[in-house]
Protein backbone atom coordinates (compact mmCIF):
# COMPACT_ATOMS: atom_id res chain seq x y z
CA MET A 1 4.81 69.74 62.07
CA LYS A 2 6.03 72.99 63.61
CA LEU A 3 8.65 75.12 61.95
CA THR A 4 10.38 78.19 63.51
CA ALA A 5 11.31 80.93 61.10
CA VAL A 6 13.83 83.50 62.42
CA ILE A 7 13.89 86.61 60.29
CA ALA A 8 15.85 89.77 60.87
CA PRO A 9 13.48 92.27 62.74
CA ARG A 10 14.21 95.02 60.24
CA VAL A 11 13.13 92.67 57.46
CA LEU A 12 10.07 91.38 59.18
CA LYS A 13 9.00 94.85 60.23
CA THR A 14 8.41 95.74 56.54
CA LEU A 15 5.23 93.52 56.48
CA GLY A 16 3.38 95.88 58.95
CA PRO A 17 1.46 95.09 62.10
CA GLN A 18 1.14 91.49 63.40
CA GLN A 19 -2.10 90.51 61.51
CA ALA A 20 -0.90 91.96 58.22
CA CYS A 21 2.54 90.20 58.69
CA GLU A 22 0.96 86.84 59.46
CA ALA A 23 -1.43 87.07 56.55
CA THR A 24 1.31 87.98 54.10
CA LEU A 25 3.62 85.17 55.36
CA LEU A 26 0.64 82.72 55.20
CA ASP A 27 0.14 83.65 51.54
CA VAL A 28 3.82 83.22 50.73
CA CYS A 29 3.97 79.76 52.37
CA GLU A 30 0.67 78.59 50.90
CA ASP A 31 1.81 79.72 47.37
CA ALA A 32 5.10 77.88 47.78
CA LEU A 33 3.63 74.77 49.30
CA TRP A 34 0.70 74.51 46.83
CA SER A 35 2.48 75.39 43.69
CA ASN A 36 3.10 71.75 42.87
CA THR A 37 0.50 69.96 45.02
CA HIS A 38 -2.60 68.47 43.65
CA PRO A 39 -5.70 70.54 45.05
CA LYS A 40 -7.02 67.65 47.07
CA ASN A 41 -3.73 67.15 48.87
CA ARG A 42 -3.21 70.78 49.76
CA GLU A 43 -2.81 71.70 53.40
CA ARG A 44 -5.94 73.43 54.72
CA ASN A 45 -4.65 74.10 58.11
CA ILE A 46 -1.41 76.07 57.78
CA ARG A 47 -1.02 78.43 60.65
CA ILE A 48 1.39 81.38 61.02
CA GLU A 49 2.05 83.15 64.21
CA LYS A 50 4.42 85.96 64.81
CA VAL A 51 5.92 85.23 68.23
CA ASP A 52 8.21 88.29 68.54
CA ARG A 53 10.03 90.83 66.62
CA ALA A 54 12.17 88.16 64.84
CA THR A 55 10.37 84.82 65.25
CA VAL A 56 7.45 83.34 63.37
CA ASP A 57 5.96 79.88 64.00
CA ILE A 58 4.60 77.90 61.06
CA GLN A 59 2.46 74.85 61.74
CA LEU A 60 1.31 72.53 59.01
CA GLU A 61 0.70 68.86 58.22
CA LEU A 62 3.41 66.99 56.37
CA ASN A 63 0.83 65.08 54.07
CA GLN A 64 3.25 62.16 53.66
CA ARG A 65 6.04 64.43 52.69
CA ASP A 66 9.65 64.45 54.11
CA ALA A 67 10.10 66.83 57.01
CA GLU A 68 13.40 68.11 55.59
CA ILE A 69 11.81 68.91 52.22
CA VAL A 70 8.78 70.62 53.75
CA LYS A 71 11.12 72.66 55.88
CA ASP A 72 13.05 73.81 52.82
CA VAL A 73 9.94 74.97 50.97
CA PRO A 74 8.98 77.85 53.33
CA HIS A 75 12.64 78.70 53.90
CA GLU A 76 13.26 79.16 50.12
CA ALA A 77 9.98 80.97 49.61
CA LEU A 78 10.71 83.53 52.41
CA MET A 79 14.10 84.16 50.95
CA VAL A 80 12.73 84.83 47.59
CA PHE A 81 9.93 86.87 48.94
CA PHE A 82 12.16 89.17 51.02
CA ASP A 83 14.97 89.19 48.48
CA PRO A 84 17.85 86.94 47.79
CA ASP A 85 20.20 89.62 49.46
CA TYR A 86 18.47 88.74 52.73
CA ASN A 87 19.72 85.13 52.52
CA SER A 88 21.55 85.29 55.87
CA ASP A 89 18.59 87.06 57.50
CA VAL A 90 16.10 84.22 57.12
CA ASP A 91 16.45 80.78 58.91
CA VAL A 92 13.89 78.11 59.28
CA GLN A 93 14.28 75.14 61.63
CA ILE A 94 12.06 72.13 62.47
CA ASN A 95 10.71 72.55 66.00
CA ASP A 96 10.97 69.11 67.47
CA GLU A 97 9.70 69.96 70.92
CA LEU A 98 6.19 68.58 70.00
């Protein structure tokens, strides 16, 4: 499944250069997705790619979970990570072009 997160550039910029940004967002998503997942069911192939100043692609396996629920997990994790005040500056959508 591929998700596209749109994050305000001024917010995303706080994470530093591309590699640091992607690593930090990967940690945030893994922590959120794995917090209540049995170790043998944890996704091992989550990929994060910063596409441009405001867009981040998140690719992961559903592992028999509902797509809408999986979409909400990174969205909520990103909102909490950046600060609840940035609620309107973070949006995550399912990319169904695949």
